[in-house]
Each structure stands twice: as structure tokens, then as C-alpha cells.
C-alpha atoms as a PDB file:
ATOM      1  CA  GLN A   1       7.383 -12.606  13.066  1.00  0.00           C
ATOM      2  CA  VAL A   2       6.365 -11.902   9.461  1.00  0.00           C
ATOM      3  CA  GLN A   3       8.625  -9.300   7.753  1.00  0.00           C
ATOM      4  CA  LEU A   4       7.239  -7.010   5.083  1.00  0.00           C
ATOM      5  CA  VAL A   5       9.123  -5.649   2.084  1.00  0.00           C
ATOM      6  CA  GLU A   6       7.582  -2.991  -0.083  1.00  0.00           C
ATOM      7  CA  SER A   7       8.668  -2.231  -3.666  1.00  0.00           C
ATOM      8  CA  GLY A   8       7.580  -0.657  -6.895  1.00  0.00           C
ATOM      9  CA  GLY A   9       7.801   3.001  -6.005  1.00  0.00           C
ATOM     10  CA  GLY A  10       9.487   5.578  -8.173  1.00  0.00           C
ATOM     11  CA  LEU A  11       9.193   8.856  -9.944  1.00  0.00           C
ATOM     12  CA  VAL A  12       6.205   9.400 -12.227  1.00  0.00           C
ATOM     13  CA  GLN A  13       4.491  12.271 -13.902  1.00  0.00           C
ATOM     14  CA  ALA A  14       1.041  13.395 -12.780  1.00  0.00           C
ATOM     15  CA  GLY A  15      -1.605  11.245 -14.438  1.00  0.00           C
ATOM     16  CA  GLY A  16       0.726   8.240 -14.494  1.00  0.00           C
ATOM     17  CA  SER A  17       0.473   4.869 -12.814  1.00  0.00           C
ATOM     18  CA  LEU A  18       2.507   2.684 -10.487  1.00  0.00           C
ATOM     19  CA  ARG A  19       1.984  -0.711  -8.970  1.00  0.00           C
ATOM     20  CA  LEU A  20       3.330  -1.323  -5.507  1.00  0.00           C
ATOM     21  CA  SER A  21       4.052  -4.753  -4.109  1.00  0.00           C
ATOM     22  CA  CYS A  22       4.386  -5.905  -0.537  1.00  0.00           C
ATOM     23  CA  ALA A  23       6.073  -9.261  -0.082  1.00  0.00           C
ATOM     24  CA  ALA A  24       5.680 -10.962   3.276  1.00  0.00           C
ATOM     25  CA  SER A  25       8.295 -13.409   4.602  1.00  0.00           C
ATOM     26  CA  GLY A  26       5.595 -15.663   5.943  1.00  0.00           C
ATOM     27  CA  SER A  27       1.980 -16.523   5.377  1.00  0.00           C
ATOM     28  CA  ILE A  28      -0.589 -13.758   5.387  1.00  0.00           C
ATOM     29  CA  PHE A  29      -3.463 -16.190   4.865  1.00  0.00           C
ATOM     30  CA  SER A  30      -4.488 -15.864   8.513  1.00  0.00           C
ATOM     31  CA  ILE A  31      -4.235 -12.106   8.596  1.00  0.00           C
ATOM     32  CA  ASN A  32      -7.719 -10.801   8.233  1.00  0.00           C
ATOM     33  CA  THR A  33      -7.128  -7.277   7.000  1.00  0.00           C
ATOM     34  CA  MET A  34      -4.047  -5.990   5.205  1.00  0.00           C
ATOM     35  CA  GLY A  35      -3.596  -2.344   4.380  1.00  0.00           C
ATOM     36  CA  TRP A  36      -1.523   0.169   2.483  1.00  0.00           C
ATOM     37  CA  TYR A  37      -0.468   3.242   4.339  1.00  0.00           C
ATOM     38  CA  ARG A  38       1.355   6.400   3.316  1.00  0.00           C
ATOM     39  CA  GLN A  39       3.319   9.044   5.122  1.00  0.00           C
ATOM     40  CA  HIS A  40       3.894  12.570   3.859  1.00  0.00           C
ATOM     41  CA  PRO A  41       6.880  14.407   5.195  1.00  0.00           C
ATOM     42  CA  GLY A  42       6.296  15.660   8.691  1.00  0.00           C
ATOM     43  CA  LYS A  43       2.865  14.055   8.925  1.00  0.00           C
ATOM     44  CA  GLN A  44       1.424  10.951  10.505  1.00  0.00           C
ATOM     45  CA  ARG A  45       1.061   7.761   8.610  1.00  0.00           C
ATOM     46  CA  GLU A  46      -2.379   7.335   7.163  1.00  0.00           C
ATOM     47  CA  LEU A  47      -4.289   4.269   5.956  1.00  0.00           C
ATOM     48  CA  VAL A  48      -5.273   4.669   2.297  1.00  0.00           C
ATOM     49  CA  ALA A  49      -6.580   1.209   1.341  1.00  0.00           C
ATOM     50  CA  ARG A  50      -7.368  -2.092   3.084  1.00  0.00           C
ATOM     51  CA  ILE A  51      -8.500  -5.514   2.054  1.00  0.00           C
ATOM     52  CA  THR A  52      -9.932  -8.317   4.160  1.00  0.00           C
ATOM     53  CA  SER A  53      -9.156 -12.002   3.733  1.00  0.00           C
ATOM     54  CA  ARG A  54     -12.423 -12.347   1.803  1.00  0.00           C
ATOM     55  CA  GLY A  55     -11.443  -9.585  -0.591  1.00  0.00           C
ATOM     56  CA  SER A  56     -13.617  -6.790   0.735  1.00  0.00           C
ATOM     57  CA  THR A  57     -11.918  -3.454   0.139  1.00  0.00           C
ATOM     58  CA  ASN A  58     -12.130   0.037   1.534  1.00  0.00           C
ATOM     59  CA  TYR A  59     -10.390   3.250   0.477  1.00  0.00           C
ATOM     60  CA  ALA A  60      -9.678   6.687   1.852  1.00  0.00           C
ATOM     61  CA  ASP A  61     -11.686   9.360  -0.004  1.00  0.00           C
ATOM     62  CA  SER A  62      -8.505  10.890  -1.318  1.00  0.00           C
ATOM     63  CA  VAL A  63      -7.678   7.751  -3.396  1.00  0.00           C
ATOM     64  CA  LYS A  64     -11.074   6.263  -4.072  1.00  0.00           C
ATOM     65  CA  GLY A  65     -11.579   5.503  -7.754  1.00  0.00           C
ATOM     66  CA  ARG A  66      -7.849   5.799  -8.499  1.00  0.00           C
ATOM     67  CA  PHE A  67      -6.169   3.151  -6.309  1.00  0.00           C
ATOM     68  CA  THR A  68      -6.975  -0.569  -6.172  1.00  0.00           C
ATOM     69  CA  ILE A  69      -5.730  -2.886  -3.467  1.00  0.00           C
ATOM     70  CA  SER A  70      -5.515  -6.678  -4.026  1.00  0.00           C
ATOM     71  CA  ARG A  71      -3.868  -9.598  -2.297  1.00  0.00           C
ATOM     72  CA  ASN A  72      -2.548 -12.994  -3.313  1.00  0.00           C
ATOM     73  CA  ASN A  73      -2.437 -15.182  -0.231  1.00  0.00           C
ATOM     74  CA  ALA A  74      -0.736 -18.013  -2.159  1.00  0.00           C
ATOM     75  CA  LYS A  75       2.173 -15.656  -2.948  1.00  0.00           C
ATOM     76  CA  ASN A  76       1.979 -13.840   0.414  1.00  0.00           C
ATOM     77  CA  THR A  77       1.812 -10.586  -1.447  1.00  0.00           C
ATOM     78  CA  VAL A  78      -0.374  -7.466  -1.301  1.00  0.00           C
ATOM     79  CA  TYR A  79      -0.556  -5.029  -4.211  1.00  0.00           C
ATOM     80  CA  LEU A  80      -1.602  -1.452  -4.697  1.00  0.00           C
ATOM     81  CA  GLN A  81      -2.389  -0.332  -8.243  1.00  0.00           C
ATOM     82  CA  MET A  82      -2.234   3.492  -8.382  1.00  0.00           C
ATOM     83  CA  ASN A  83      -3.693   5.283 -11.415  1.00  0.00           C
ATOM     84  CA  SER A  84      -4.193   8.926 -12.191  1.00  0.00           C
ATOM     85  CA  LEU A  85      -1.505   9.876  -9.773  1.00  0.00           C
ATOM     86  CA  LYS A  86      -1.405  13.385  -8.389  1.00  0.00           C
ATOM     87  CA  PRO A  87       1.455  15.378  -6.864  1.00  0.00           C
ATOM     88  CA  GLU A  88      -0.269  15.105  -3.446  1.00  0.00           C
ATOM     89  CA  ASP A  89       0.129  11.287  -3.668  1.00  0.00           C
ATOM     90  CA  THR A  90       3.886  11.844  -3.140  1.00  0.00           C
ATOM     91  CA  ALA A  91       4.790   9.990   0.045  1.00  0.00           C
ATOM     92  CA  VAL A  92       6.455   6.888   1.476  1.00  0.00           C
ATOM     93  CA  TYR A  93       4.140   3.932   1.103  1.00  0.00           C
ATOM     94  CA  TYR A  94       3.983   1.035   3.580  1.00  0.00           C
ATOM     95  CA  CYS A  95       1.925  -2.082   3.899  1.00  0.00           C
ATOM     96  CA  ASN A  96       0.954  -3.757   7.138  1.00  0.00           C
ATOM     97  CA  ALA A  97      -1.727  -5.757   8.872  1.00  0.00           C
ATOM     98  CA  VAL A  98      -4.357  -3.356   9.963  1.00  0.00           C
ATOM     99  CA  TYR A  99      -4.701  -4.850  13.438  1.00  0.00           C
ATOM    100  CA  PRO A 100      -2.670  -5.845  15.180  1.00  0.00           C
ATOM    101  CA  PRO A 101       0.202  -4.352  13.115  1.00  0.00           C
ATOM    102  CA  LEU A 102       3.357  -6.269  12.353  1.00  0.00           C
ATOM    103  CA  SER A 103       6.810  -4.692  12.297  1.00  0.00           C
ATOM    104  CA  TRP A 104       6.932  -1.935   9.738  1.00  0.00           C
ATOM    105  CA  GLY A 105       8.981  -2.388   6.603  1.00  0.00           C
ATOM    106  CA  GLN A 106      11.176   0.228   5.035  1.00  0.00           C
ATOM    107  CA  GLY A 107       8.467   1.512   2.738  1.00  0.00           C
ATOM    108  CA  THR A 108       8.755   2.549  -0.866  1.00  0.00           C
ATOM    109  CA  GLN A 109       9.032   6.176  -2.032  1.00  0.00           C
ATOM    110  CA  VAL A 110       6.437   7.427  -4.563  1.00  0.00           C
ATOM    111  CA  THR A 111       7.179  10.796  -6.123  1.00  0.00           C
ATOM    112  CA  VAL A 112       4.684  12.368  -8.505  1.00  0.00           C
ATOM    113  CA  SER A 113       5.844  15.374 -10.481  1.00  0.00           C
ATOM    114  CA  SER A 114       3.467  18.033 -11.776  1.00  0.00           C
END
């Protein structure tokens, strides 16, 4: 099964930017929709952005206009560009196929200081 490895998280001040990457061990070309999720401490994982194989995107209201998802099927990689970060964006971020999901990776921690 395809394994997913997220990277690019870190500590950033409010208003700053980060670019997350999700590298897949195998081809994602056949996976219709890939997504970025996040999980706040003590809360359920939520889908914040998704992208279809044709490049159509959809965002949660909380990140719309600030985050941009993209994918490079040739590199088996999905990206999440995060701008104008807010303290409430602090969470562990994961990528995965939207349906059916693959095994979850370890995620990458994003911390936004005020």
C-alpha cells in the first residue's frame, strides 16, 4: 500500500507562511481526490483542503483564501501552501486520499504563535 510522509511543518508567527509537502511511496496518479487534514489537540481530524485528479479544489471555510492545495502526480507529491497563518491553525497536519483513505502518516506539526 502507498505510504504517506508529511513534512514542512514548524513554528511560525501569526501572519507568516509555511508550505507542507506530502510524499507518497507509490503513484497517486490513480487516486481521484487527495486531501489535507488537520487535528487540533483533543479534537477529531478535519478535512481542510482537497484536490481532484483534474485539479479541482475545495476548502474549508476556515482556510479559504489563505491555503492553496496542489498536486504533482509525476512526483507523487501533494502540497499545501499556507499563508496568513493564525494561532488557530496550530495543529498536526496530515495528507491522505479522501476516499477510501490510505494508512495515515505521522503528520507534521504546525505551530503558529501570536
